[in-house]
Each structure stands twice: as C-alpha cells, then as structure tokens.
Amino acid sequence: DLGQVPPDRFIRVSEGNGMIIDIGHFVIDRA
C-alpha cells in the first residue's frame, strides 16, 4: 500500500515503537 518507504522514515518510527530490535536482528542475520 505504501510503496517504497524511505529508510529514514520507517527506521525513526521503528525506534519509537520498539520494532527496531526485531528489524535490527533481521539485518544482522541476513547480511
């Protein structure tokens, strides 16, 4: 629905709601 969301937008939101923890683990494991 939102299309390509800029990283600076969704990372800031994820830090606010705590989802940055799960997203961070995804980035580390996949990389």
PDB file of all heavy atoms in Angstrom:
ATOM      1  N   ASP A   1       0.808  -1.218   0.000  1.00  0.00           N
ATOM      2  CA  ASP A   1       0.000   0.000   0.000  1.00  0.00           C
ATOM      3  C   ASP A   1       0.841   1.268   0.000  1.00  0.00           C
ATOM      4  O   ASP A   1       0.493   2.261  -0.648  1.00  0.00           O
ATOM      5  CB  ASP A   1      -0.928   0.013   1.229  1.00  0.00           C
ATOM      6  CG  ASP A   1      -1.942  -1.125   1.195  1.00  0.00           C
ATOM      7  OD1 ASP A   1      -2.409  -1.459   0.093  1.00  0.00           O
ATOM      8  OD2 ASP A   1      -2.234  -1.680   2.274  1.00  0.00           O
ATOM      9  N   LEU A   2       1.945   1.261   0.735  1.00  0.00           N
ATOM     10  CA  LEU A   2       2.758   2.469   0.886  1.00  0.00           C
ATOM     11  C   LEU A   2       3.828   2.609  -0.176  1.00  0.00           C
ATOM     12  O   LEU A   2       4.415   3.685  -0.330  1.00  0.00           O
ATOM     13  CB  LEU A   2       3.428   2.474   2.273  1.00  0.00           C
ATOM     14  CG  LEU A   2       2.498   2.385   3.486  1.00  0.00           C
ATOM     15  CD1 LEU A   2       3.308   2.329   4.770  1.00  0.00           C
ATOM     16  CD2 LEU A   2       1.545   3.577   3.512  1.00  0.00           C
ATOM     17  N   GLY A   3       4.092   1.532  -0.928  1.00  0.00           N
ATOM     18  CA  GLY A   3       5.164   1.577  -1.903  1.00  0.00           C
ATOM     19  C   GLY A   3       6.526   1.485  -1.246  1.00  0.00           C
ATOM     20  O   GLY A   3       6.686   0.885  -0.179  1.00  0.00           O
ATOM     21  N   GLN A   4       7.532   2.114  -1.877  1.00  0.00           N
ATOM     22  CA  GLN A   4       8.887   2.108  -1.329  1.00  0.00           C
ATOM     23  C   GLN A   4       8.990   3.167  -0.240  1.00  0.00           C
ATOM     24  O   GLN A   4       8.870   4.368  -0.505  1.00  0.00           O
ATOM     25  CB  GLN A   4       9.906   2.401  -2.434  1.00  0.00           C
ATOM     26  CG  GLN A   4      11.319   1.990  -2.101  1.00  0.00           C
ATOM     27  CD  GLN A   4      11.535   0.498  -2.247  1.00  0.00           C
ATOM     28  OE1 GLN A   4      11.025  -0.127  -3.176  1.00  0.00           O
ATOM     29  NE2 GLN A   4      12.301  -0.093  -1.340  1.00  0.00           N
ATOM     30  N   VAL A   5       9.182   2.734   0.999  1.00  0.00           N
ATOM     31  CA  VAL A   5       9.230   3.655   2.136  1.00  0.00           C
ATOM     32  C   VAL A   5      10.689   4.013   2.422  1.00  0.00           C
ATOM     33  O   VAL A   5      11.520   3.123   2.614  1.00  0.00           O
ATOM     34  CB  VAL A   5       8.596   3.022   3.395  1.00  0.00           C
ATOM     35  CG1 VAL A   5       8.541   4.050   4.523  1.00  0.00           C
ATOM     36  CG2 VAL A   5       7.196   2.499   3.083  1.00  0.00           C
ATOM     37  N   PRO A   6      11.040   5.308   2.458  1.00  0.00           N
ATOM     38  CA  PRO A   6      12.436   5.701   2.713  1.00  0.00           C
ATOM     39  C   PRO A   6      12.912   5.199   4.080  1.00  0.00           C
ATOM     40  O   PRO A   6      12.182   5.273   5.067  1.00  0.00           O
ATOM     41  CB  PRO A   6      12.385   7.236   2.691  1.00  0.00           C
ATOM     42  CG  PRO A   6      11.148   7.571   1.910  1.00  0.00           C
ATOM     43  CD  PRO A   6      10.177   6.476   2.203  1.00  0.00           C
ATOM     44  N   PRO A   7      14.150   4.712   4.154  1.00  0.00           N
ATOM     45  CA  PRO A   7      14.668   4.177   5.425  1.00  0.00           C
ATOM     46  C   PRO A   7      14.626   5.176   6.562  1.00  0.00           C
ATOM     47  O   PRO A   7      14.337   4.804   7.707  1.00  0.00           O
ATOM     48  CB  PRO A   7      16.112   3.788   5.072  1.00  0.00           C
ATOM     49  CG  PRO A   7      16.098   3.552   3.597  1.00  0.00           C
ATOM     50  CD  PRO A   7      15.104   4.515   3.045  1.00  0.00           C
ATOM     51  N   ASP A   8      14.928   6.460   6.282  1.00  0.00           N
ATOM     52  CA  ASP A   8      14.952   7.418   7.380  1.00  0.00           C
ATOM     53  C   ASP A   8      13.573   7.611   7.999  1.00  0.00           C
ATOM     54  O   ASP A   8      13.450   7.992   9.160  1.00  0.00           O
ATOM     55  CB  ASP A   8      15.508   8.762   6.904  1.00  0.00           C
ATOM     56  CG  ASP A   8      14.642   9.406   5.830  1.00  0.00           C
ATOM     57  OD1 ASP A   8      14.055   8.664   5.027  1.00  0.00           O
ATOM     58  OD2 ASP A   8      14.558  10.653   5.796  1.00  0.00           O
ATOM     59  N   ARG A   9      12.497   7.308   7.241  1.00  0.00           N
ATOM     60  CA  ARG A   9      11.146   7.427   7.767  1.00  0.00           C
ATOM     61  C   ARG A   9      10.791   6.230   8.642  1.00  0.00           C
ATOM     62  O   ARG A   9      10.383   6.382   9.787  1.00  0.00           O
ATOM     63  CB  ARG A   9      10.136   7.562   6.627  1.00  0.00           C
ATOM     64  CG  ARG A   9      10.237   8.850   5.867  1.00  0.00           C
ATOM     65  CD  ARG A   9       9.789  10.059   6.679  1.00  0.00           C
ATOM     66  NE  ARG A   9       8.357  10.012   6.954  1.00  0.00           N
ATOM     67  CZ  ARG A   9       7.836   9.931   8.158  1.00  0.00           C
ATOM     68  NH1 ARG A   9       8.609   9.894   9.226  1.00  0.00           N
ATOM     69  NH2 ARG A   9       6.531   9.911   8.338  1.00  0.00           N
ATOM     70  N   PHE A  10      10.955   5.019   8.105  1.00  0.00           N
ATOM     71  CA  PHE A  10      10.473   3.875   8.882  1.00  0.00           C
ATOM     72  C   PHE A  10      11.428   3.480  10.004  1.00  0.00           C
ATOM     73  O   PHE A  10      11.002   2.938  11.022  1.00  0.00           O
ATOM     74  CB  PHE A  10      10.148   2.673   7.987  1.00  0.00           C
ATOM     75  CG  PHE A  10      11.314   1.941   7.383  1.00  0.00           C
ATOM     76  CD1 PHE A  10      12.031   1.012   8.115  1.00  0.00           C
ATOM     77  CD2 PHE A  10      11.667   2.143   6.061  1.00  0.00           C
ATOM     78  CE1 PHE A  10      13.088   0.310   7.552  1.00  0.00           C
ATOM     79  CE2 PHE A  10      12.720   1.454   5.480  1.00  0.00           C
ATOM     80  CZ  PHE A  10      13.435   0.537   6.232  1.00  0.00           C
ATOM     81  N   ILE A  11      12.717   3.781   9.875  1.00  0.00           N
ATOM     82  CA  ILE A  11      13.648   3.462  10.964  1.00  0.00           C
ATOM     83  C   ILE A  11      13.353   4.337  12.173  1.00  0.00           C
ATOM     84  O   ILE A  11      13.365   3.873  13.316  1.00  0.00           O
ATOM     85  CB  ILE A  11      15.108   3.627  10.492  1.00  0.00           C
ATOM     86  CG1 ILE A  11      15.460   2.486   9.528  1.00  0.00           C
ATOM     87  CG2 ILE A  11      16.069   3.625  11.681  1.00  0.00           C
ATOM     88  CD1 ILE A  11      16.832   2.598   8.909  1.00  0.00           C
ATOM     89  N   ARG A  12      13.059   5.616  11.928  1.00  0.00           N
ATOM     90  CA  ARG A  12      12.733   6.508  13.043  1.00  0.00           C
ATOM     91  C   ARG A  12      11.467   6.045  13.766  1.00  0.00           C
ATOM     92  O   ARG A  12      11.402   6.054  14.991  1.00  0.00           O
ATOM     93  CB  ARG A  12      12.556   7.942  12.523  1.00  0.00           C
ATOM     94  CG  ARG A  12      12.381   8.971  13.624  1.00  0.00           C
ATOM     95  CD  ARG A  12      12.601  10.378  13.131  1.00  0.00           C
ATOM     96  NE  ARG A  12      11.591  10.801  12.180  1.00  0.00           N
ATOM     97  CZ  ARG A  12      11.820  11.061  10.906  1.00  0.00           C
ATOM     98  NH1 ARG A  12      13.048  10.937  10.427  1.00  0.00           N
ATOM     99  NH2 ARG A  12      10.851  11.454  10.100  1.00  0.00           N
ATOM    100  N   VAL A  13      10.475   5.606  12.981  1.00  0.00           N
ATOM    101  CA  VAL A  13       9.227   5.105  13.584  1.00  0.00           C
ATOM    102  C   VAL A  13       9.497   3.817  14.359  1.00  0.00           C
ATOM    103  O   VAL A  13       8.988   3.621  15.463  1.00  0.00           O
ATOM    104  CB  VAL A  13       8.159   4.878  12.502  1.00  0.00           C
ATOM    105  CG1 VAL A  13       6.910   4.238  13.108  1.00  0.00           C
ATOM    106  CG2 VAL A  13       7.789   6.201  11.829  1.00  0.00           C
ATOM    107  N   SER A  14      10.306   2.923  13.781  1.00  0.00           N
ATOM    108  CA  SER A  14      10.585   1.640  14.438  1.00  0.00           C
ATOM    109  C   SER A  14      11.367   1.830  15.736  1.00  0.00           C
ATOM    110  O   SER A  14      11.219   1.043  16.671  1.00  0.00           O
ATOM    111  CB  SER A  14      11.343   0.708  13.487  1.00  0.00           C
ATOM    112  OG  SER A  14      12.661   1.169  13.251  1.00  0.00           O
ATOM    113  N   GLU A  15      12.187   2.871  15.801  1.00  0.00           N
ATOM    114  CA  GLU A  15      12.885   3.157  17.053  1.00  0.00           C
ATOM    115  C   GLU A  15      11.908   3.640  18.115  1.00  0.00           C
ATOM    116  O   GLU A  15      12.069   3.360  19.306  1.00  0.00           O
ATOM    117  CB  GLU A  15      13.970   4.213  16.817  1.00  0.00           C
ATOM    118  CG  GLU A  15      15.176   3.672  16.060  1.00  0.00           C
ATOM    119  CD  GLU A  15      16.230   4.733  15.811  1.00  0.00           C
ATOM    120  OE1 GLU A  15      15.870   5.926  15.789  1.00  0.00           O
ATOM    121  OE2 GLU A  15      17.403   4.374  15.626  1.00  0.00           O
ATOM    122  N   GLY A  16      10.870   4.351  17.668  1.00  0.00           N
ATOM    123  CA  GLY A  16       9.876   4.855  18.611  1.00  0.00           C
ATOM    124  C   GLY A  16       8.989   3.775  19.180  1.00  0.00           C
ATOM    125  O   GLY A  16       8.616   3.814  20.359  1.00  0.00           O
ATOM    126  N   ASN A  17       8.615   2.775  18.347  1.00  0.00           N
ATOM    127  CA  ASN A  17       7.693   1.744  18.828  1.00  0.00           C
ATOM    128  C   ASN A  17       8.399   0.450  19.232  1.00  0.00           C
ATOM    129  O   ASN A  17       7.744  -0.537  19.589  1.00  0.00           O
ATOM    130  CB  ASN A  17       6.618   1.448  17.771  1.00  0.00           C
ATOM    131  CG  ASN A  17       7.171   0.815  16.497  1.00  0.00           C
ATOM    132  OD1 ASN A  17       8.323   0.392  16.431  1.00  0.00           O
ATOM    133  ND2 ASN A  17       6.351   0.764  15.464  1.00  0.00           N
ATOM    134  N   GLY A  18       9.734   0.448  19.184  1.00  0.00           N
ATOM    135  CA  GLY A  18      10.485  -0.711  19.657  1.00  0.00           C
ATOM    136  C   GLY A  18      10.735  -1.785  18.615  1.00  0.00           C
ATOM    137  O   GLY A  18      11.455  -2.754  18.878  1.00  0.00           O
ATOM    138  N   MET A  19      10.181  -1.640  17.408  1.00  0.00           N
ATOM    139  CA  MET A  19      10.369  -2.666  16.385  1.00  0.00           C
ATOM    140  C   MET A  19      11.782  -2.698  15.822  1.00  0.00           C
ATOM    141  O   MET A  19      12.159  -3.646  15.128  1.00  0.00           O
ATOM    142  CB  MET A  19       9.356  -2.471  15.254  1.00  0.00           C
ATOM    143  CG  MET A  19       8.039  -3.175  15.477  1.00  0.00           C
ATOM    144  SD  MET A  19       7.262  -3.625  13.922  1.00  0.00           S
ATOM    145  CE  MET A  19       8.395  -4.829  13.264  1.00  0.00           C
ATOM    146  N   ILE A  20      12.568  -1.664  16.119  1.00  0.00           N
ATOM    147  CA  ILE A  20      13.942  -1.632  15.623  1.00  0.00           C
ATOM    148  C   ILE A  20      14.734  -2.826  16.131  1.00  0.00           C
ATOM    149  O   ILE A  20      15.693  -3.260  15.477  1.00  0.00           O
ATOM    150  CB  ILE A  20      14.632  -0.309  16.045  1.00  0.00           C
ATOM    151  CG1 ILE A  20      15.983  -0.160  15.356  1.00  0.00           C
ATOM    152  CG2 ILE A  20      14.798  -0.248  17.556  1.00  0.00           C
ATOM    153  CD1 ILE A  20      15.914  -0.021  13.865  1.00  0.00           C
ATOM    154  N   ILE A  21      14.343  -3.392  17.260  1.00  0.00           N
ATOM    155  CA  ILE A  21      15.046  -4.568  17.801  1.00  0.00           C
ATOM    156  C   ILE A  21      14.922  -5.746  16.837  1.00  0.00           C
ATOM    157  O   ILE A  21      15.924  -6.345  16.422  1.00  0.00           O
ATOM    158  CB  ILE A  21      14.481  -4.957  19.183  1.00  0.00           C
ATOM    159  CG1 ILE A  21      14.603  -3.783  20.176  1.00  0.00           C
ATOM    160  CG2 ILE A  21      15.189  -6.188  19.717  1.00  0.00           C
ATOM    161  CD1 ILE A  21      16.010  -3.349  20.458  1.00  0.00           C
ATOM    162  N   ASP A  22      13.688  -6.074  16.449  1.00  0.00           N
ATOM    163  CA  ASP A  22      13.472  -7.201  15.519  1.00  0.00           C
ATOM    164  C   ASP A  22      14.027  -6.901  14.139  1.00  0.00           C
ATOM    165  O   ASP A  22      14.618  -7.774  13.488  1.00  0.00           O
ATOM    166  CB  ASP A  22      11.977  -7.524  15.427  1.00  0.00           C
ATOM    167  CG  ASP A  22      11.416  -8.091  16.716  1.00  0.00           C
ATOM    168  OD1 ASP A  22      12.198  -8.692  17.481  1.00  0.00           O
ATOM    169  OD2 ASP A  22      10.216  -7.916  16.977  1.00  0.00           O
ATOM    170  N   ILE A  23      13.844  -5.664  13.678  1.00  0.00           N
ATOM    171  CA  ILE A  23      14.370  -5.295  12.365  1.00  0.00           C
ATOM    172  C   ILE A  23      15.891  -5.362  12.369  1.00  0.00           C
ATOM    173  O   ILE A  23      16.517  -5.828  11.413  1.00  0.00           O
ATOM    174  CB  ILE A  23      13.883  -3.884  11.972  1.00  0.00           C
ATOM    175  CG1 ILE A  23      12.364  -3.892  11.738  1.00  0.00           C
ATOM    176  CG2 ILE A  23      14.605  -3.385  10.724  1.00  0.00           C
ATOM    177  CD1 ILE A  23      11.768  -2.522  11.497  1.00  0.00           C
ATOM    178  N   GLY A  24      16.502  -4.906  13.467  1.00  0.00           N
ATOM    179  CA  GLY A  24      17.949  -4.958  13.578  1.00  0.00           C
ATOM    180  C   GLY A  24      18.489  -6.378  13.522  1.00  0.00           C
ATOM    181  O   GLY A  24      19.512  -6.643  12.877  1.00  0.00           O
ATOM    182  N   HIS A  25      17.809  -7.308  14.192  1.00  0.00           N
ATOM    183  CA  HIS A  25      18.250  -8.706  14.138  1.00  0.00           C
ATOM    184  C   HIS A  25      18.103  -9.270  12.736  1.00  0.00           C
ATOM    185  O   HIS A  25      18.949 -10.056  12.274  1.00  0.00           O
ATOM    186  CB  HIS A  25      17.435  -9.545  15.123  1.00  0.00           C
ATOM    187  CG  HIS A  25      17.798  -9.301  16.554  1.00  0.00           C
ATOM    188  ND1 HIS A  25      19.097  -9.315  16.999  1.00  0.00           N
ATOM    189  CD2 HIS A  25      17.027  -9.040  17.647  1.00  0.00           C
ATOM    190  CE1 HIS A  25      19.130  -9.075  18.299  1.00  0.00           C
ATOM    191  NE2 HIS A  25      17.888  -8.887  18.717  1.00  0.00           N
ATOM    192  N   PHE A  26      17.043  -8.864  12.018  1.00  0.00           N
ATOM    193  CA  PHE A  26      16.866  -9.303  10.630  1.00  0.00           C
ATOM    194  C   PHE A  26      18.040  -8.839   9.775  1.00  0.00           C
ATOM    195  O   PHE A  26      18.602  -9.618   8.986  1.00  0.00           O
ATOM    196  CB  PHE A  26      15.552  -8.759  10.071  1.00  0.00           C
ATOM    197  CG  PHE A  26      15.477  -8.807   8.559  1.00  0.00           C
ATOM    198  CD1 PHE A  26      15.171  -9.985   7.905  1.00  0.00           C
ATOM    199  CD2 PHE A  26      15.734  -7.671   7.802  1.00  0.00           C
ATOM    200  CE1 PHE A  26      15.117 -10.037   6.515  1.00  0.00           C
ATOM    201  CE2 PHE A  26      15.683  -7.704   6.425  1.00  0.00           C
ATOM    202  CZ  PHE A  26      15.376  -8.894   5.778  1.00  0.00           C
ATOM    203  N   VAL A  27      18.422  -7.568   9.919  1.00  0.00           N
ATOM    204  CA  VAL A  27      19.520  -7.021   9.114  1.00  0.00           C
ATOM    205  C   VAL A  27      20.818  -7.759   9.418  1.00  0.00           C
ATOM    206  O   VAL A  27      21.551  -8.167   8.502  1.00  0.00           O
ATOM    207  CB  VAL A  27      19.682  -5.508   9.381  1.00  0.00           C
ATOM    208  CG1 VAL A  27      20.944  -4.982   8.690  1.00  0.00           C
ATOM    209  CG2 VAL A  27      18.458  -4.740   8.899  1.00  0.00           C
ATOM    210  N   ILE A  28      21.116  -7.946  10.682  1.00  0.00           N
ATOM    211  CA  ILE A  28      22.373  -8.613  11.061  1.00  0.00           C
ATOM    212  C   ILE A  28      22.405 -10.044  10.527  1.00  0.00           C
ATOM    213  O   ILE A  28      23.389 -10.466   9.896  1.00  0.00           O
ATOM    214  CB  ILE A  28      22.554  -8.594  12.595  1.00  0.00           C
ATOM    215  CG1 ILE A  28      22.831  -7.174  13.073  1.00  0.00           C
ATOM    216  CG2 ILE A  28      23.691  -9.529  13.018  1.00  0.00           C
ATOM    217  CD1 ILE A  28      22.860  -7.005  14.582  1.00  0.00           C
ATOM    218  N   ASP A  29      21.340 -10.799  10.742  1.00  0.00           N
ATOM    219  CA  ASP A  29      21.329 -12.207  10.314  1.00  0.00           C
ATOM    220  C   ASP A  29      21.389 -12.336   8.796  1.00  0.00           C
ATOM    221  O   ASP A  29      22.141 -13.159   8.263  1.00  0.00           O
ATOM    222  CB  ASP A  29      20.073 -12.903  10.852  1.00  0.00           C
ATOM    223  CG  ASP A  29      20.147 -13.176  12.343  1.00  0.00           C
ATOM    224  OD1 ASP A  29      21.270 -13.357  12.848  1.00  0.00           O
ATOM    225  OD2 ASP A  29      19.098 -13.194  13.006  1.00  0.00           O
ATOM    226  N   ARG A  30      20.593 -11.533   8.072  1.00  0.00           N
ATOM    227  CA  ARG A  30      20.581 -11.645   6.614  1.00  0.00           C
ATOM    228  C   ARG A  30      21.915 -11.204   6.014  1.00  0.00           C
ATOM    229  O   ARG A  30      22.440 -11.844   5.093  1.00  0.00           O
ATOM    230  CB  ARG A  30      19.443 -10.794   6.048  1.00  0.00           C
ATOM    231  CG  ARG A  30      19.375 -10.745   4.509  1.00  0.00           C
ATOM    232  CD  ARG A  30      19.193 -12.140   3.895  1.00  0.00           C
ATOM    233  NE  ARG A  30      17.980 -12.757   4.372  1.00  0.00           N
ATOM    234  CZ  ARG A  30      16.769 -12.543   3.827  1.00  0.00           C
ATOM    235  NH1 ARG A  30      16.630 -11.715   2.816  1.00  0.00           N
ATOM    236  NH2 ARG A  30      15.715 -13.170   4.301  1.00  0.00           N
ATOM    237  N   ALA A  31      22.487 -10.113   6.531  1.00  0.00           N
ATOM    238  CA  ALA A  31      23.759  -9.629   5.995  1.00  0.00           C
ATOM    239  C   ALA A  31      24.890 -10.619   6.267  1.00  0.00           C
ATOM    240  O   ALA A  31      25.729 -10.878   5.388  1.00  0.00           O
ATOM    241  CB  ALA A  31      24.087  -8.256   6.596  1.00  0.00           C
TER     242      ALA A  31
END
